[in-house]
Amino acid sequence: MRQSALSLFLIFLLPLVAADAAATSDVQLLRKLLIERLALMEQVAAYKWNNDLPIDDPVREANVLNASVARARAAGLKPEAARRLILDQMEAAKMIQRHYFASWEEQSVGSIDDVPDLVGELRPKIGALSGELVSVVAMSQAQLHTCPAIAVLRPIPPEFSGVPKVWVEAVSSIVGNRPDCS
């Protein structure tokens, strides 16, 4: 009797444990994608710096936003949530580019060596990461506002400790406002 009760308990518990592990894995993947995407922004900034291009490009941003929101909606995100997610990622990207521009100006940097091509190399990588990011957010949106997910997403990665506002911006629409989750 005791063995059958234990077996029954395990039969019901294991799917819950597996689901929780999958949810944690999705949230960790989301964090990894956010870090990878933002890490590319130093190279984007370097390309723009070398080519005397502005950080802000309203026409391109509008086109990227419209296409990204359409993809996000197709992946299952509500239109307003998709829009906030994309806008937050774009703003975080521009914030980190401004950080690098300010640093290079302060140091009187002329040109930066070995910078990948923006159109041929960087944008395709950013686009691929953005697509994955949207898919993971869509798959895991039910748990993103939970304290365990926020505990994974909210801490500022060491890579961005010098510009913590960038990370806060990148995750703000994902984790929402949960002051009860420390």
C-alpha atoms as a PDB file:
ATOM      1  CA  MET A   1       0.000   0.000   0.000  1.00  0.00           C
ATOM      2  CA  ARG A   2       2.795   2.361   0.958  1.00  0.00           C
ATOM      3  CA  GLN A   3       4.674   1.621  -2.266  1.00  0.00           C
ATOM      4  CA  SER A   4       1.621   2.229  -4.441  1.00  0.00           C
ATOM      5  CA  ALA A   5       0.940   5.549  -2.653  1.00  0.00           C
ATOM      6  CA  LEU A   6       4.556   6.571  -3.226  1.00  0.00           C
ATOM      7  CA  SER A   7       4.385   5.483  -6.866  1.00  0.00           C
ATOM      8  CA  LEU A   8       1.179   7.436  -7.375  1.00  0.00           C
ATOM      9  CA  PHE A   9       2.732  10.476  -5.716  1.00  0.00           C
ATOM     10  CA  LEU A  10       5.781  10.269  -7.996  1.00  0.00           C
ATOM     11  CA  ILE A  11       3.640   9.816 -11.093  1.00  0.00           C
ATOM     12  CA  PHE A  12       1.895  13.101 -10.363  1.00  0.00           C
ATOM     13  CA  LEU A  13       4.966  14.953  -9.085  1.00  0.00           C
ATOM     14  CA  LEU A  14       7.422  14.164 -11.875  1.00  0.00           C
ATOM     15  CA  PRO A  15       5.551  16.039 -14.626  1.00  0.00           C
ATOM     16  CA  LEU A  16       5.396  19.092 -12.355  1.00  0.00           C
ATOM     17  CA  VAL A  17       9.125  18.908 -11.654  1.00  0.00           C
ATOM     18  CA  ALA A  18       9.859  18.453 -15.361  1.00  0.00           C
ATOM     19  CA  ALA A  19       7.620  21.410 -16.274  1.00  0.00           C
ATOM     20  CA  ASP A  20       9.340  23.582 -13.668  1.00  0.00           C
ATOM     21  CA  ALA A  21      12.775  22.579 -15.018  1.00  0.00           C
ATOM     22  CA  ALA A  22      11.666  23.411 -18.573  1.00  0.00           C
ATOM     23  CA  ALA A  23      10.352  26.802 -17.433  1.00  0.00           C
ATOM     24  CA  THR A  24      13.635  27.560 -15.663  1.00  0.00           C
ATOM     25  CA  SER A  25      15.526  26.490 -18.779  1.00  0.00           C
ATOM     26  CA  ASP A  26      13.426  28.854 -20.952  1.00  0.00           C
ATOM     27  CA  VAL A  27      14.075  31.770 -18.594  1.00  0.00           C
ATOM     28  CA  GLN A  28      17.808  31.032 -18.532  1.00  0.00           C
ATOM     29  CA  LEU A  29      17.800  30.860 -22.332  1.00  0.00           C
ATOM     30  CA  LEU A  30      15.997  34.203 -22.457  1.00  0.00           C
ATOM     31  CA  ARG A  31      18.656  35.765 -20.206  1.00  0.00           C
ATOM     32  CA  LYS A  32      21.414  34.316 -22.414  1.00  0.00           C
ATOM     33  CA  LEU A  33      19.769  35.714 -25.582  1.00  0.00           C
ATOM     34  CA  LEU A  34      19.383  39.168 -24.043  1.00  0.00           C
ATOM     35  CA  ILE A  35      23.050  39.184 -23.026  1.00  0.00           C
ATOM     36  CA  GLU A  36      24.212  37.998 -26.465  1.00  0.00           C
ATOM     37  CA  ARG A  37      22.092  40.583 -28.269  1.00  0.00           C
ATOM     38  CA  LEU A  38      23.253  43.469 -26.091  1.00  0.00           C
ATOM     39  CA  ALA A  39      26.871  42.322 -26.335  1.00  0.00           C
ATOM     40  CA  LEU A  40      26.739  42.921 -30.103  1.00  0.00           C
ATOM     41  CA  MET A  41      25.938  46.585 -29.525  1.00  0.00           C
ATOM     42  CA  GLU A  42      29.581  47.498 -28.885  1.00  0.00           C
ATOM     43  CA  GLN A  43      30.370  46.344 -32.428  1.00  0.00           C
ATOM     44  CA  VAL A  44      27.315  48.173 -33.785  1.00  0.00           C
ATOM     45  CA  ALA A  45      28.463  51.324 -32.005  1.00  0.00           C
ATOM     46  CA  ALA A  46      32.005  50.858 -33.368  1.00  0.00           C
ATOM     47  CA  TYR A  47      30.710  50.553 -36.924  1.00  0.00           C
ATOM     48  CA  LYS A  48      28.584  53.671 -36.516  1.00  0.00           C
ATOM     49  CA  TRP A  49      31.514  55.497 -34.885  1.00  0.00           C
ATOM     50  CA  ASN A  50      33.909  54.602 -37.703  1.00  0.00           C
ATOM     51  CA  ASN A  51      31.385  55.553 -40.371  1.00  0.00           C
ATOM     52  CA  ASP A  52      30.119  58.711 -38.653  1.00  0.00           C
ATOM     53  CA  LEU A  53      26.580  57.328 -38.472  1.00  0.00           C
ATOM     54  CA  PRO A  54      24.027  58.436 -35.888  1.00  0.00           C
ATOM     55  CA  ILE A  55      22.928  56.041 -33.184  1.00  0.00           C
ATOM     56  CA  ASP A  56      19.281  56.885 -33.768  1.00  0.00           C
ATOM     57  CA  ASP A  57      17.756  56.018 -37.131  1.00  0.00           C
ATOM     58  CA  PRO A  58      14.002  56.679 -36.789  1.00  0.00           C
ATOM     59  CA  VAL A  59      13.052  55.363 -40.242  1.00  0.00           C
ATOM     60  CA  ARG A  60      14.923  52.090 -39.794  1.00  0.00           C
ATOM     61  CA  GLU A  61      13.668  51.749 -36.217  1.00  0.00           C
ATOM     62  CA  ALA A  62      10.051  52.158 -37.366  1.00  0.00           C
ATOM     63  CA  ASN A  63      10.517  49.497 -40.048  1.00  0.00           C
ATOM     64  CA  VAL A  64      12.213  47.096 -37.627  1.00  0.00           C
ATOM     65  CA  LEU A  65       9.522  47.734 -35.007  1.00  0.00           C
ATOM     66  CA  ASN A  66       6.670  47.016 -37.442  1.00  0.00           C
ATOM     67  CA  ALA A  67       8.263  43.826 -38.769  1.00  0.00           C
ATOM     68  CA  SER A  68       9.266  42.641 -35.294  1.00  0.00           C
ATOM     69  CA  VAL A  69       5.836  43.287 -33.802  1.00  0.00           C
ATOM     70  CA  ALA A  70       4.234  41.321 -36.648  1.00  0.00           C
ATOM     71  CA  ARG A  71       6.586  38.379 -35.965  1.00  0.00           C
ATOM     72  CA  ALA A  72       5.972  38.633 -32.228  1.00  0.00           C
ATOM     73  CA  ARG A  73       2.208  38.612 -32.717  1.00  0.00           C
ATOM     74  CA  ALA A  74       2.541  35.578 -34.979  1.00  0.00           C
ATOM     75  CA  ALA A  75       4.528  33.882 -32.192  1.00  0.00           C
ATOM     76  CA  GLY A  76       1.666  34.446 -29.771  1.00  0.00           C
ATOM     77  CA  LEU A  77       2.458  37.714 -28.024  1.00  0.00           C
ATOM     78  CA  LYS A  78      -0.285  40.282 -27.555  1.00  0.00           C
ATOM     79  CA  PRO A  79       0.287  43.345 -29.759  1.00  0.00           C
ATOM     80  CA  GLU A  80       0.989  45.778 -26.902  1.00  0.00           C
ATOM     81  CA  ALA A  81       3.290  43.327 -25.104  1.00  0.00           C
ATOM     82  CA  ALA A  82       5.150  42.696 -28.365  1.00  0.00           C
ATOM     83  CA  ARG A  83       5.509  46.416 -28.997  1.00  0.00           C
ATOM     84  CA  ARG A  84       6.837  47.096 -25.480  1.00  0.00           C
ATOM     85  CA  LEU A  85       9.291  44.202 -25.739  1.00  0.00           C
ATOM     86  CA  ILE A  86      10.707  45.389 -29.062  1.00  0.00           C
ATOM     87  CA  LEU A  87      10.856  49.049 -28.005  1.00  0.00           C
ATOM     88  CA  ASP A  88      12.662  48.127 -24.786  1.00  0.00           C
ATOM     89  CA  GLN A  89      15.241  46.087 -26.703  1.00  0.00           C
ATOM     90  CA  MET A  90      15.792  48.924 -29.160  1.00  0.00           C
ATOM     91  CA  GLU A  91      16.154  51.490 -26.376  1.00  0.00           C
ATOM     92  CA  ALA A  92      18.578  49.289 -24.434  1.00  0.00           C
ATOM     93  CA  ALA A  93      20.640  48.865 -27.616  1.00  0.00           C
ATOM     94  CA  LYS A  94      20.787  52.622 -28.167  1.00  0.00           C
ATOM     95  CA  MET A  95      21.648  53.240 -24.511  1.00  0.00           C
ATOM     96  CA  ILE A  96      24.671  50.966 -24.686  1.00  0.00           C
ATOM     97  CA  GLN A  97      25.758  52.502 -28.005  1.00  0.00           C
ATOM     98  CA  ARG A  98      25.552  55.978 -26.423  1.00  0.00           C
ATOM     99  CA  HIS A  99      27.668  54.673 -23.552  1.00  0.00           C
ATOM    100  CA  TYR A 100      30.398  53.570 -25.955  1.00  0.00           C
ATOM    101  CA  PHE A 101      30.218  56.792 -27.988  1.00  0.00           C
ATOM    102  CA  ALA A 102      30.654  58.851 -24.805  1.00  0.00           C
ATOM    103  CA  SER A 103      33.593  56.709 -23.709  1.00  0.00           C
ATOM    104  CA  TRP A 104      35.302  56.966 -27.110  1.00  0.00           C
ATOM    105  CA  GLU A 105      34.726  60.717 -27.241  1.00  0.00           C
ATOM    106  CA  GLU A 106      36.219  61.105 -23.768  1.00  0.00           C
ATOM    107  CA  GLN A 107      39.269  59.064 -24.836  1.00  0.00           C
ATOM    108  CA  SER A 108      39.525  60.870 -28.200  1.00  0.00           C
ATOM    109  CA  VAL A 109      39.354  57.575 -30.089  1.00  0.00           C
ATOM    110  CA  GLY A 110      39.764  58.109 -33.814  1.00  0.00           C
ATOM    111  CA  SER A 111      38.907  54.808 -35.449  1.00  0.00           C
ATOM    112  CA  ILE A 112      38.292  51.319 -34.139  1.00  0.00           C
ATOM    113  CA  ASP A 113      39.972  48.337 -35.812  1.00  0.00           C
ATOM    114  CA  ASP A 114      38.440  45.033 -36.891  1.00  0.00           C
ATOM    115  CA  VAL A 115      34.793  46.074 -36.843  1.00  0.00           C
ATOM    116  CA  PRO A 116      32.346  43.706 -38.574  1.00  0.00           C
ATOM    117  CA  ASP A 117      30.079  45.066 -41.293  1.00  0.00           C
ATOM    118  CA  LEU A 118      26.807  46.353 -39.885  1.00  0.00           C
ATOM    119  CA  VAL A 119      24.553  45.294 -42.753  1.00  0.00           C
ATOM    120  CA  GLY A 120      26.237  42.054 -43.787  1.00  0.00           C
ATOM    121  CA  GLU A 121      27.243  40.633 -40.413  1.00  0.00           C
ATOM    122  CA  LEU A 122      25.838  42.395 -37.362  1.00  0.00           C
ATOM    123  CA  ARG A 123      22.233  43.019 -38.349  1.00  0.00           C
ATOM    124  CA  PRO A 124      21.644  39.400 -39.421  1.00  0.00           C
ATOM    125  CA  LYS A 125      23.005  38.209 -36.045  1.00  0.00           C
ATOM    126  CA  ILE A 126      20.879  40.733 -34.167  1.00  0.00           C
ATOM    127  CA  GLY A 127      17.824  39.748 -36.197  1.00  0.00           C
ATOM    128  CA  ALA A 128      18.335  36.056 -35.480  1.00  0.00           C
ATOM    129  CA  LEU A 129      18.804  36.686 -31.755  1.00  0.00           C
ATOM    130  CA  SER A 130      15.748  38.943 -31.713  1.00  0.00           C
ATOM    131  CA  GLY A 131      13.674  36.244 -33.383  1.00  0.00           C
ATOM    132  CA  GLU A 132      14.782  33.672 -30.816  1.00  0.00           C
ATOM    133  CA  LEU A 133      14.141  36.146 -28.019  1.00  0.00           C
ATOM    134  CA  VAL A 134      10.568  36.743 -29.202  1.00  0.00           C
ATOM    135  CA  SER A 135       9.939  33.005 -29.506  1.00  0.00           C
ATOM    136  CA  VAL A 136      11.226  32.293 -26.004  1.00  0.00           C
ATOM    137  CA  VAL A 137       9.196  35.169 -24.522  1.00  0.00           C
ATOM    138  CA  ALA A 138       6.081  33.868 -26.298  1.00  0.00           C
ATOM    139  CA  MET A 139       6.675  30.285 -25.088  1.00  0.00           C
ATOM    140  CA  SER A 140       7.371  31.281 -21.511  1.00  0.00           C
ATOM    141  CA  GLN A 141       5.157  34.340 -21.015  1.00  0.00           C
ATOM    142  CA  ALA A 142       3.049  32.620 -18.343  1.00  0.00           C
ATOM    143  CA  GLN A 143       5.994  32.299 -15.971  1.00  0.00           C
ATOM    144  CA  LEU A 144       7.905  35.504 -16.784  1.00  0.00           C
ATOM    145  CA  HIS A 145       6.162  37.551 -14.103  1.00  0.00           C
ATOM    146  CA  THR A 146       6.776  34.960 -11.381  1.00  0.00           C
ATOM    147  CA  CYS A 147       9.356  35.530  -8.671  1.00  0.00           C
ATOM    148  CA  PRO A 148      11.572  32.570  -9.727  1.00  0.00           C
ATOM    149  CA  ALA A 149      11.773  33.917 -13.303  1.00  0.00           C
ATOM    150  CA  ILE A 150      12.410  37.448 -12.085  1.00  0.00           C
ATOM    151  CA  ALA A 151      15.178  36.121  -9.825  1.00  0.00           C
ATOM    152  CA  VAL A 152      16.902  34.784 -12.958  1.00  0.00           C
ATOM    153  CA  LEU A 153      16.251  37.781 -15.214  1.00  0.00           C
ATOM    154  CA  ARG A 154      16.562  40.840 -12.979  1.00  0.00           C
ATOM    155  CA  PRO A 155      20.193  40.570 -11.745  1.00  0.00           C
ATOM    156  CA  ILE A 156      22.548  42.696 -13.821  1.00  0.00           C
ATOM    157  CA  PRO A 157      25.067  40.535 -15.705  1.00  0.00           C
ATOM    158  CA  PRO A 158      28.735  41.321 -15.050  1.00  0.00           C
ATOM    159  CA  GLU A 159      29.105  42.366 -18.700  1.00  0.00           C
ATOM    160  CA  PHE A 160      26.792  45.321 -18.036  1.00  0.00           C
ATOM    161  CA  SER A 161      27.761  46.260 -14.493  1.00  0.00           C
ATOM    162  CA  GLY A 162      29.178  49.545 -15.821  1.00  0.00           C
ATOM    163  CA  VAL A 163      25.857  50.399 -17.476  1.00  0.00           C
ATOM    164  CA  PRO A 164      23.181  48.814 -15.254  1.00  0.00           C
ATOM    165  CA  LYS A 165      20.385  50.975 -16.691  1.00  0.00           C
ATOM    166  CA  VAL A 166      20.835  49.146 -19.993  1.00  0.00           C
ATOM    167  CA  TRP A 167      19.936  45.818 -18.388  1.00  0.00           C
ATOM    168  CA  VAL A 168      17.038  47.304 -16.434  1.00  0.00           C
ATOM    169  CA  GLU A 169      15.654  48.683 -19.720  1.00  0.00           C
ATOM    170  CA  ALA A 170      16.158  45.374 -21.546  1.00  0.00           C
ATOM    171  CA  VAL A 171      14.198  43.327 -18.995  1.00  0.00           C
ATOM    172  CA  SER A 172      11.605  45.859 -17.831  1.00  0.00           C
ATOM    173  CA  SER A 173       8.757  44.821 -20.124  1.00  0.00           C
ATOM    174  CA  ILE A 174       9.615  41.150 -19.650  1.00  0.00           C
ATOM    175  CA  VAL A 175       9.558  40.997 -15.850  1.00  0.00           C
ATOM    176  CA  GLY A 176       7.081  43.795 -15.218  1.00  0.00           C
ATOM    177  CA  ASN A 177       6.900  45.611 -11.919  1.00  0.00           C
ATOM    178  CA  ARG A 178       7.100  43.086  -9.098  1.00  0.00           C
ATOM    179  CA  PRO A 179       8.612  44.802  -6.051  1.00  0.00           C
ATOM    180  CA  ASP A 180       7.673  41.749  -3.976  1.00  0.00           C
ATOM    181  CA  CYS A 181      10.283  39.693  -5.856  1.00  0.00           C
ATOM    182  CA  SER A 182      13.732  40.548  -4.529  1.00  0.00           C
END
